[in-house]
Amino acid sequence: MRFLTAFASFFQQRDLVLETCQMLIDDLSDTTLLDLRIEKASREMNAVAAVTKKHIAQNAETEQDQEEYDQKHHALVQQYEKLQQQFTKLQQERAARINRMDTLHHFLETISAVPQVLDSFDEELWRATIEKVTVFHDRKMIFQFLDGTEIQG
């Protein structure tokens, strides 16, 4: 029952919610800058890998002070690992954006298809629209919808 009340309150703002969701989806779908950062990180990793490979080959071909070699090799490995961490973080950020975009797109489709009056609990609607529900000790409930809207139920 509380979900129905919260949803009815939420649904009064349907047009605004639909417009806001579409704007969020449009914003999330533009990964151009993120893609450029991923590409740059990849190029930098490849450059460090090439320098490391050359450094190893040079050590195999000519006699060198091994302590100096080890220090430079260690520095190159650290540089590569740092770049790899940045690259992985950027890829995860991109995947999270796309996942959020897909979730909001499903949310938008679901909200668009809901009838004006909801008279019974709909489990599919619940799963497609509710991010979380916070229940307090005094039985007050806060419903957080996927678009971020919070409504007390």
N, C-alpha and C. Protein backbone atom coordinates (compact mmCIF):
# COMPACT_ATOMS: atom_id res chain seq x y z
N MET A 1 0.82 -1.19 0.00
CA MET A 1 0.00 0.00 0.00
C MET A 1 0.86 1.26 0.00
N ARG A 2 1.92 1.28 0.81
CA ARG A 2 2.77 2.46 0.87
C ARG A 2 3.46 2.71 -0.47
N PHE A 3 3.84 1.64 -1.14
CA PHE A 3 4.45 1.80 -2.46
C PHE A 3 3.46 2.47 -3.41
N LEU A 4 2.22 2.05 -3.38
CA LEU A 4 1.21 2.64 -4.27
C LEU A 4 1.03 4.12 -3.99
N THR A 5 1.04 4.48 -2.71
CA THR A 5 0.90 5.89 -2.33
C THR A 5 2.12 6.69 -2.80
N ALA A 6 3.30 6.14 -2.55
CA ALA A 6 4.54 6.82 -2.98
C ALA A 6 4.59 6.92 -4.49
N PHE A 7 4.20 5.85 -5.15
CA PHE A 7 4.25 5.87 -6.62
C PHE A 7 3.25 6.88 -7.18
N ALA A 8 2.06 6.97 -6.58
CA ALA A 8 1.06 7.94 -7.04
C ALA A 8 1.61 9.36 -6.90
N SER A 9 2.28 9.62 -5.79
CA SER A 9 2.89 10.94 -5.57
C SER A 9 3.99 11.19 -6.60
N PHE A 10 4.79 10.21 -6.82
CA PHE A 10 5.87 10.29 -7.81
C PHE A 10 5.30 10.50 -9.21
N PHE A 11 4.24 9.79 -9.49
CA PHE A 11 3.65 9.78 -10.83
C PHE A 11 3.00 11.13 -11.18
N GLN A 12 2.66 11.92 -10.17
CA GLN A 12 2.10 13.25 -10.43
C GLN A 12 3.11 14.12 -11.19
N GLN A 13 4.39 13.80 -11.04
CA GLN A 13 5.46 14.55 -11.69
C GLN A 13 5.95 13.81 -12.94
N ARG A 14 5.13 12.96 -13.50
CA ARG A 14 5.53 12.07 -14.58
C ARG A 14 6.25 12.78 -15.73
N ASP A 15 5.67 13.86 -16.25
CA ASP A 15 6.28 14.54 -17.38
C ASP A 15 7.66 15.08 -17.05
N LEU A 16 7.79 15.66 -15.87
CA LEU A 16 9.10 16.17 -15.43
C LEU A 16 10.09 15.02 -15.28
N VAL A 17 9.64 13.92 -14.70
CA VAL A 17 10.51 12.75 -14.51
C VAL A 17 10.97 12.21 -15.86
N LEU A 18 10.05 12.09 -16.81
CA LEU A 18 10.40 11.58 -18.14
C LEU A 18 11.41 12.50 -18.82
N GLU A 19 11.19 13.79 -18.72
CA GLU A 19 12.10 14.76 -19.34
C GLU A 19 13.48 14.70 -18.68
N THR A 20 13.50 14.63 -17.37
CA THR A 20 14.77 14.57 -16.64
C THR A 20 15.53 13.29 -16.96
N CYS A 21 14.82 12.17 -17.01
CA CYS A 21 15.46 10.90 -17.34
C CYS A 21 16.06 10.94 -18.74
N GLN A 22 15.33 11.51 -19.67
CA GLN A 22 15.86 11.59 -21.04
C GLN A 22 17.11 12.45 -21.09
N MET A 23 17.13 13.53 -20.33
CA MET A 23 18.32 14.39 -20.28
C MET A 23 19.49 13.64 -19.66
N LEU A 24 19.23 12.88 -18.61
CA LEU A 24 20.29 12.08 -17.98
C LEU A 24 20.83 11.03 -18.94
N ILE A 25 19.93 10.37 -19.65
CA ILE A 25 20.34 9.35 -20.63
C ILE A 25 21.20 9.99 -21.72
N ASP A 26 20.77 11.14 -22.22
CA ASP A 26 21.54 11.84 -23.25
C ASP A 26 22.93 12.20 -22.74
N ASP A 27 23.00 12.68 -21.51
CA ASP A 27 24.29 13.06 -20.92
C ASP A 27 25.19 11.84 -20.72
N LEU A 28 24.62 10.76 -20.20
CA LEU A 28 25.41 9.55 -19.95
C LEU A 28 25.87 8.88 -21.24
N SER A 29 25.09 9.03 -22.31
CA SER A 29 25.44 8.35 -23.55
C SER A 29 26.61 9.00 -24.28
N ASP A 30 26.93 10.24 -23.95
CA ASP A 30 28.06 10.90 -24.59
C ASP A 30 29.34 10.57 -23.80
N THR A 31 30.03 9.56 -24.29
CA THR A 31 31.27 9.12 -23.63
C THR A 31 32.51 9.58 -24.40
N THR A 32 32.35 10.58 -25.25
CA THR A 32 33.44 11.04 -26.10
C THR A 32 34.69 11.40 -25.30
N LEU A 33 34.55 12.25 -24.30
CA LEU A 33 35.72 12.66 -23.51
C LEU A 33 36.33 11.48 -22.76
N LEU A 34 35.49 10.65 -22.23
CA LEU A 34 35.97 9.46 -21.52
C LEU A 34 36.70 8.52 -22.48
N ASP A 35 36.15 8.35 -23.67
CA ASP A 35 36.81 7.50 -24.68
C ASP A 35 38.17 8.06 -25.07
N LEU A 36 38.27 9.38 -25.18
CA LEU A 36 39.56 10.00 -25.50
C LEU A 36 40.58 9.78 -24.38
N ARG A 37 40.12 9.88 -23.14
CA ARG A 37 41.02 9.64 -22.00
C ARG A 37 41.47 8.18 -21.96
N ILE A 38 40.56 7.26 -22.29
CA ILE A 38 40.92 5.84 -22.33
C ILE A 38 41.94 5.59 -23.43
N GLU A 39 41.71 6.19 -24.59
CA GLU A 39 42.64 6.03 -25.72
C GLU A 39 44.02 6.59 -25.38
N LYS A 40 44.04 7.75 -24.73
CA LYS A 40 45.31 8.37 -24.33
C LYS A 40 46.06 7.47 -23.33
N ALA A 41 45.34 6.95 -22.35
CA ALA A 41 45.97 6.06 -21.36
C ALA A 41 46.53 4.82 -22.03
N SER A 42 45.80 4.29 -23.00
CA SER A 42 46.26 3.11 -23.73
C SER A 42 47.55 3.41 -24.50
N ARG A 43 47.57 4.56 -25.18
CA ARG A 43 48.78 4.95 -25.92
C ARG A 43 49.98 5.12 -24.99
N GLU A 44 49.75 5.73 -23.83
CA GLU A 44 50.83 5.94 -22.86
C GLU A 44 51.33 4.60 -22.32
N MET A 45 50.41 3.67 -22.07
CA MET A 45 50.82 2.34 -21.61
C MET A 45 51.67 1.65 -22.68
N ASN A 46 51.24 1.74 -23.93
CA ASN A 46 52.00 1.12 -25.02
C ASN A 46 53.38 1.74 -25.16
N ALA A 47 53.48 3.05 -24.96
CA ALA A 47 54.77 3.73 -25.06
C ALA A 47 55.71 3.27 -23.94
N VAL A 48 55.21 3.19 -22.74
CA VAL A 48 56.03 2.73 -21.61
C VAL A 48 56.42 1.26 -21.81
N ALA A 49 55.52 0.46 -22.32
CA ALA A 49 55.83 -0.95 -22.60
C ALA A 49 56.94 -1.06 -23.64
N ALA A 50 56.90 -0.21 -24.66
CA ALA A 50 57.94 -0.23 -25.70
C ALA A 50 59.28 0.19 -25.13
N VAL A 51 59.30 1.21 -24.29
CA VAL A 51 60.55 1.65 -23.65
C VAL A 51 61.09 0.54 -22.75
N THR A 52 60.21 -0.12 -22.01
CA THR A 52 60.62 -1.22 -21.13
C THR A 52 61.20 -2.37 -21.95
N LYS A 53 60.56 -2.71 -23.04
CA LYS A 53 61.06 -3.79 -23.91
C LYS A 53 62.44 -3.44 -24.46
N LYS A 54 62.61 -2.19 -24.89
CA LYS A 54 63.91 -1.73 -25.42
C LYS A 54 64.96 -1.78 -24.31
N HIS A 55 64.58 -1.38 -23.13
CA HIS A 55 65.49 -1.38 -21.97
C HIS A 55 65.95 -2.81 -21.66
N ILE A 56 65.03 -3.75 -21.71
CA ILE A 56 65.37 -5.16 -21.44
C ILE A 56 66.28 -5.70 -22.54
N ALA A 57 65.98 -5.37 -23.78
CA ALA A 57 66.81 -5.84 -24.91
C ALA A 57 68.22 -5.26 -24.82
N GLN A 58 68.30 -4.01 -24.45
CA GLN A 58 69.61 -3.36 -24.33
C GLN A 58 70.43 -4.03 -23.23
N ASN A 59 69.79 -4.41 -22.16
CA ASN A 59 70.49 -5.09 -21.07
C ASN A 59 70.99 -6.46 -21.51
N ALA A 60 70.22 -7.11 -22.36
CA ALA A 60 70.62 -8.44 -22.85
C ALA A 60 71.78 -8.35 -23.84
N GLU A 61 71.87 -7.23 -24.56
CA GLU A 61 72.89 -7.08 -25.61
C GLU A 61 74.20 -6.48 -25.12
N THR A 62 74.13 -5.56 -24.18
CA THR A 62 75.34 -4.89 -23.72
C THR A 62 75.47 -4.98 -22.20
N GLU A 63 76.70 -4.97 -21.77
CA GLU A 63 76.97 -5.05 -20.34
C GLU A 63 76.59 -3.73 -19.69
N GLN A 64 75.87 -3.81 -18.58
CA GLN A 64 75.43 -2.60 -17.87
C GLN A 64 75.57 -2.80 -16.38
N ASP A 65 75.58 -1.70 -15.68
CA ASP A 65 75.55 -1.74 -14.22
C ASP A 65 74.15 -2.26 -13.83
N GLN A 66 74.10 -3.43 -13.23
CA GLN A 66 72.80 -4.05 -12.94
C GLN A 66 71.97 -3.28 -11.92
N GLU A 67 72.63 -2.58 -11.03
CA GLU A 67 71.88 -1.78 -10.05
C GLU A 67 71.15 -0.64 -10.77
N GLU A 68 71.83 0.04 -11.69
CA GLU A 68 71.20 1.10 -12.47
C GLU A 68 70.07 0.53 -13.34
N TYR A 69 70.34 -0.61 -13.94
CA TYR A 69 69.33 -1.27 -14.78
C TYR A 69 68.09 -1.59 -13.95
N ASP A 70 68.31 -2.19 -12.79
CA ASP A 70 67.18 -2.58 -11.93
C ASP A 70 66.37 -1.36 -11.49
N GLN A 71 67.06 -0.27 -11.17
CA GLN A 71 66.35 0.95 -10.74
C GLN A 71 65.48 1.50 -11.88
N LYS A 72 66.07 1.58 -13.07
CA LYS A 72 65.31 2.10 -14.21
C LYS A 72 64.16 1.15 -14.56
N HIS A 73 64.44 -0.15 -14.52
CA HIS A 73 63.39 -1.13 -14.83
C HIS A 73 62.25 -1.02 -13.82
N HIS A 74 62.60 -0.90 -12.55
CA HIS A 74 61.59 -0.77 -11.50
C HIS A 74 60.74 0.49 -11.72
N ALA A 75 61.40 1.59 -12.08
CA ALA A 75 60.68 2.85 -12.33
C ALA A 75 59.73 2.70 -13.51
N LEU A 76 60.18 2.02 -14.56
CA LEU A 76 59.32 1.81 -15.73
C LEU A 76 58.12 0.92 -15.37
N VAL A 77 58.36 -0.11 -14.61
CA VAL A 77 57.28 -1.01 -14.19
C VAL A 77 56.26 -0.24 -13.35
N GLN A 78 56.74 0.58 -12.43
CA GLN A 78 55.83 1.37 -11.60
C GLN A 78 55.01 2.34 -12.44
N GLN A 79 55.67 2.97 -13.42
CA GLN A 79 54.97 3.90 -14.30
C GLN A 79 53.89 3.17 -15.09
N TYR A 80 54.21 2.00 -15.59
CA TYR A 80 53.24 1.21 -16.36
C TYR A 80 52.06 0.80 -15.47
N GLU A 81 52.35 0.34 -14.26
CA GLU A 81 51.28 -0.10 -13.36
C GLU A 81 50.36 1.06 -12.98
N LYS A 82 50.95 2.24 -12.80
CA LYS A 82 50.13 3.42 -12.50
C LYS A 82 49.21 3.74 -13.68
N LEU A 83 49.76 3.71 -14.88
CA LEU A 83 48.95 3.95 -16.07
C LEU A 83 47.87 2.89 -16.23
N GLN A 84 48.22 1.65 -15.94
CA GLN A 84 47.26 0.55 -16.06
C GLN A 84 46.10 0.74 -15.07
N GLN A 85 46.41 1.21 -13.87
CA GLN A 85 45.36 1.48 -12.88
C GLN A 85 44.43 2.59 -13.37
N GLN A 86 45.02 3.65 -13.94
CA GLN A 86 44.21 4.74 -14.49
C GLN A 86 43.33 4.24 -15.63
N PHE A 87 43.92 3.43 -16.51
CA PHE A 87 43.20 2.86 -17.65
C PHE A 87 42.02 2.02 -17.17
N THR A 88 42.26 1.16 -16.19
CA THR A 88 41.21 0.30 -15.64
C THR A 88 40.11 1.13 -14.99
N LYS A 89 40.50 2.15 -14.25
CA LYS A 89 39.52 3.03 -13.60
C LYS A 89 38.64 3.73 -14.64
N LEU A 90 39.26 4.20 -15.72
CA LEU A 90 38.51 4.86 -16.78
C LEU A 90 37.54 3.89 -17.47
N GLN A 91 38.00 2.67 -17.71
CA GLN A 91 37.12 1.67 -18.32
C GLN A 91 35.94 1.34 -17.40
N GLN A 92 36.22 1.24 -16.10
CA GLN A 92 35.15 0.96 -15.14
C GLN A 92 34.15 2.11 -15.09
N GLU A 93 34.66 3.34 -15.16
CA GLU A 93 33.79 4.51 -15.16
C GLU A 93 32.90 4.51 -16.40
N ARG A 94 33.48 4.16 -17.53
CA ARG A 94 32.70 4.09 -18.78
C ARG A 94 31.62 3.01 -18.68
N ALA A 95 32.00 1.84 -18.16
CA ALA A 95 31.03 0.75 -18.01
C ALA A 95 29.92 1.13 -17.04
N ALA A 96 30.26 1.84 -15.97
CA ALA A 96 29.25 2.27 -15.00
C ALA A 96 28.29 3.27 -15.63
N ARG A 97 28.81 4.18 -16.47
CA ARG A 97 27.95 5.14 -17.16
C ARG A 97 26.96 4.42 -18.08
N ILE A 98 27.47 3.46 -18.83
CA ILE A 98 26.61 2.73 -19.76
C ILE A 98 25.58 1.90 -19.01
N ASN A 99 26.00 1.29 -17.90
CA ASN A 99 25.06 0.52 -17.08
C ASN A 99 23.97 1.44 -16.51
N ARG A 100 24.36 2.61 -16.03
CA ARG A 100 23.40 3.57 -15.48
C ARG A 100 22.44 4.04 -16.58
N MET A 101 23.02 4.28 -17.77
CA MET A 101 22.20 4.71 -18.90
C MET A 101 21.17 3.64 -19.25
N ASP A 102 21.60 2.38 -19.29
CA ASP A 102 20.68 1.28 -19.60
C ASP A 102 19.58 1.17 -18.55
N THR A 103 19.96 1.33 -17.28
CA THR A 103 18.98 1.27 -16.19
C THR A 103 17.95 2.39 -16.32
N LEU A 104 18.43 3.59 -16.60
CA LEU A 104 17.52 4.72 -16.75
C LEU A 104 16.63 4.58 -17.99
N HIS A 105 17.19 4.01 -19.04
CA HIS A 105 16.41 3.78 -20.26
C HIS A 105 15.26 2.81 -19.96
N HIS A 106 15.55 1.73 -19.24
CA HIS A 106 14.51 0.77 -18.85
C HIS A 106 13.48 1.46 -17.94
N PHE A 107 13.97 2.27 -17.02
CA PHE A 107 13.11 3.03 -16.12
C PHE A 107 12.17 3.93 -16.93
N LEU A 108 12.72 4.62 -17.91
CA LEU A 108 11.95 5.52 -18.77
C LEU A 108 10.87 4.76 -19.54
N GLU A 109 11.25 3.64 -20.11
CA GLU A 109 10.28 2.81 -20.85
C GLU A 109 9.17 2.31 -19.93
N THR A 110 9.55 1.90 -18.73
CA THR A 110 8.57 1.38 -17.77
C THR A 110 7.60 2.47 -17.34
N ILE A 111 8.13 3.64 -16.98
CA ILE A 111 7.27 4.74 -16.54
C ILE A 111 6.34 5.18 -17.67
N SER A 112 6.84 5.19 -18.88
CA SER A 112 6.02 5.60 -20.03
C SER A 112 4.84 4.68 -20.26
N ALA A 113 4.99 3.42 -19.90
CA ALA A 113 3.95 2.42 -20.16
C ALA A 113 2.96 2.24 -19.02
N VAL A 114 3.20 2.88 -17.88
CA VAL A 114 2.34 2.70 -16.71
C VAL A 114 1.03 3.47 -16.90
N PRO A 115 -0.09 2.85 -16.56
CA PRO A 115 -1.37 3.56 -16.65
C PRO A 115 -1.43 4.70 -15.62
N GLN A 116 -2.32 5.63 -15.84
CA GLN A 116 -2.43 6.81 -14.97
C GLN A 116 -2.73 6.42 -13.52
N VAL A 117 -3.56 5.40 -13.33
CA VAL A 117 -3.94 4.98 -11.98
C VAL A 117 -3.44 3.56 -11.75
N LEU A 118 -2.71 3.40 -10.67
CA LEU A 118 -2.19 2.09 -10.30
C LEU A 118 -2.98 1.63 -9.08
N ASP A 119 -3.73 0.54 -9.23
CA ASP A 119 -4.60 0.12 -8.13
C ASP A 119 -4.13 -1.14 -7.41
N SER A 120 -3.03 -1.74 -7.88
CA SER A 120 -2.50 -2.91 -7.17
C SER A 120 -0.98 -2.93 -7.33
N PHE A 121 -0.35 -3.63 -6.41
CA PHE A 121 1.11 -3.73 -6.43
C PHE A 121 1.56 -4.45 -7.69
N ASP A 122 2.60 -3.91 -8.31
CA ASP A 122 3.16 -4.49 -9.53
C ASP A 122 4.65 -4.74 -9.28
N GLU A 123 5.00 -6.01 -9.13
CA GLU A 123 6.39 -6.36 -8.80
C GLU A 123 7.37 -5.90 -9.88
N GLU A 124 6.99 -6.03 -11.14
CA GLU A 124 7.87 -5.60 -12.23
C GLU A 124 8.10 -4.09 -12.17
N LEU A 125 7.04 -3.35 -11.89
CA LEU A 125 7.16 -1.90 -11.76
C LEU A 125 8.06 -1.56 -10.57
N TRP A 126 7.91 -2.27 -9.50
CA TRP A 126 8.76 -2.07 -8.31
C TRP A 126 10.23 -2.23 -8.69
N ARG A 127 10.56 -3.36 -9.33
CA ARG A 127 11.96 -3.63 -9.69
C ARG A 127 12.49 -2.62 -10.70
N ALA A 128 11.64 -2.13 -11.55
CA ALA A 128 12.08 -1.24 -12.61
C ALA A 128 12.18 0.22 -12.18
N THR A 129 11.59 0.58 -11.03
CA THR A 129 11.56 1.99 -10.64
C THR A 129 12.22 2.31 -9.30
N ILE A 130 12.30 1.34 -8.41
CA ILE A 130 12.80 1.63 -7.06
C ILE A 130 14.29 1.29 -6.94
N GLU A 131 15.06 2.29 -6.50
CA GLU A 131 16.49 2.09 -6.22
C GLU A 131 16.65 1.45 -4.85
N LYS A 132 15.97 2.07 -3.86
CA LYS A 132 16.03 1.52 -2.49
C LYS A 132 14.90 2.10 -1.67
N VAL A 133 14.63 1.42 -0.57
CA VAL A 133 13.64 1.89 0.40
C VAL A 133 14.33 1.91 1.76
N THR A 134 14.22 3.03 2.45
CA THR A 134 14.77 3.14 3.79
C THR A 134 13.61 3.09 4.77
N VAL A 135 13.69 2.14 5.71
CA VAL A 135 12.64 1.98 6.70
C VAL A 135 13.21 2.41 8.05
N PHE A 136 12.51 3.32 8.70
CA PHE A 136 12.96 3.85 9.97
C PHE A 136 12.26 3.14 11.13
N HIS A 137 12.82 3.30 12.33
CA HIS A 137 12.27 2.60 13.50
C HIS A 137 10.83 2.99 13.79
N ASP A 138 10.41 4.19 13.39
CA ASP A 138 9.03 4.63 13.62
C ASP A 138 8.10 4.22 12.47
N ARG A 139 8.59 3.30 11.61
CA ARG A 139 7.86 2.74 10.47
C ARG A 139 7.73 3.70 9.29
N LYS A 140 8.35 4.86 9.40
CA LYS A 140 8.36 5.78 8.26
C LYS A 140 9.22 5.14 7.17
N MET A 141 8.82 5.32 5.93
CA MET A 141 9.55 4.75 4.81
C MET A 141 9.86 5.86 3.80
N ILE A 142 11.07 5.80 3.25
CA ILE A 142 11.47 6.71 2.18
C ILE A 142 11.77 5.85 0.96
N PHE A 143 11.03 6.08 -0.11
CA PHE A 143 11.23 5.36 -1.36
C PHE A 143 12.14 6.21 -2.25
N GLN A 144 13.25 5.64 -2.68
CA GLN A 144 14.12 6.33 -3.62
C GLN A 144 13.96 5.67 -4.99
N PHE A 145 13.52 6.47 -5.94
CA PHE A 145 13.32 5.99 -7.30
C PHE A 145 14.66 6.05 -8.06
N LEU A 146 14.73 5.35 -9.16
CA LEU A 146 15.98 5.26 -9.93
C LEU A 146 16.46 6.60 -10.45
N ASP A 147 15.58 7.56 -10.59
CA ASP A 147 16.01 8.88 -11.06
C ASP A 147 16.52 9.76 -9.93
N GLY A 148 16.50 9.21 -8.70
CA GLY A 148 17.00 9.95 -7.53
C GLY A 148 15.90 10.58 -6.69
N THR A 149 14.68 10.62 -7.20
CA THR A 149 13.56 11.21 -6.46
C THR A 149 13.29 10.40 -5.19
N GLU A 150 13.10 11.11 -4.08
CA GLU A 150 12.78 10.45 -2.81
C GLU A 150 11.40 10.90 -2.36
N ILE A 151 10.58 9.92 -1.98
CA ILE A 151 9.20 10.21 -1.53
C ILE A 151 8.92 9.41 -0.29
N GLN A 152 8.36 10.10 0.71
CA GLN A 152 8.00 9.43 1.95
C GLN A 152 6.70 8.67 1.73
N GLY A 153 6.69 7.42 2.20
CA GLY A 153 5.49 6.60 2.02
C GLY A 153 4.96 6.10 3.32
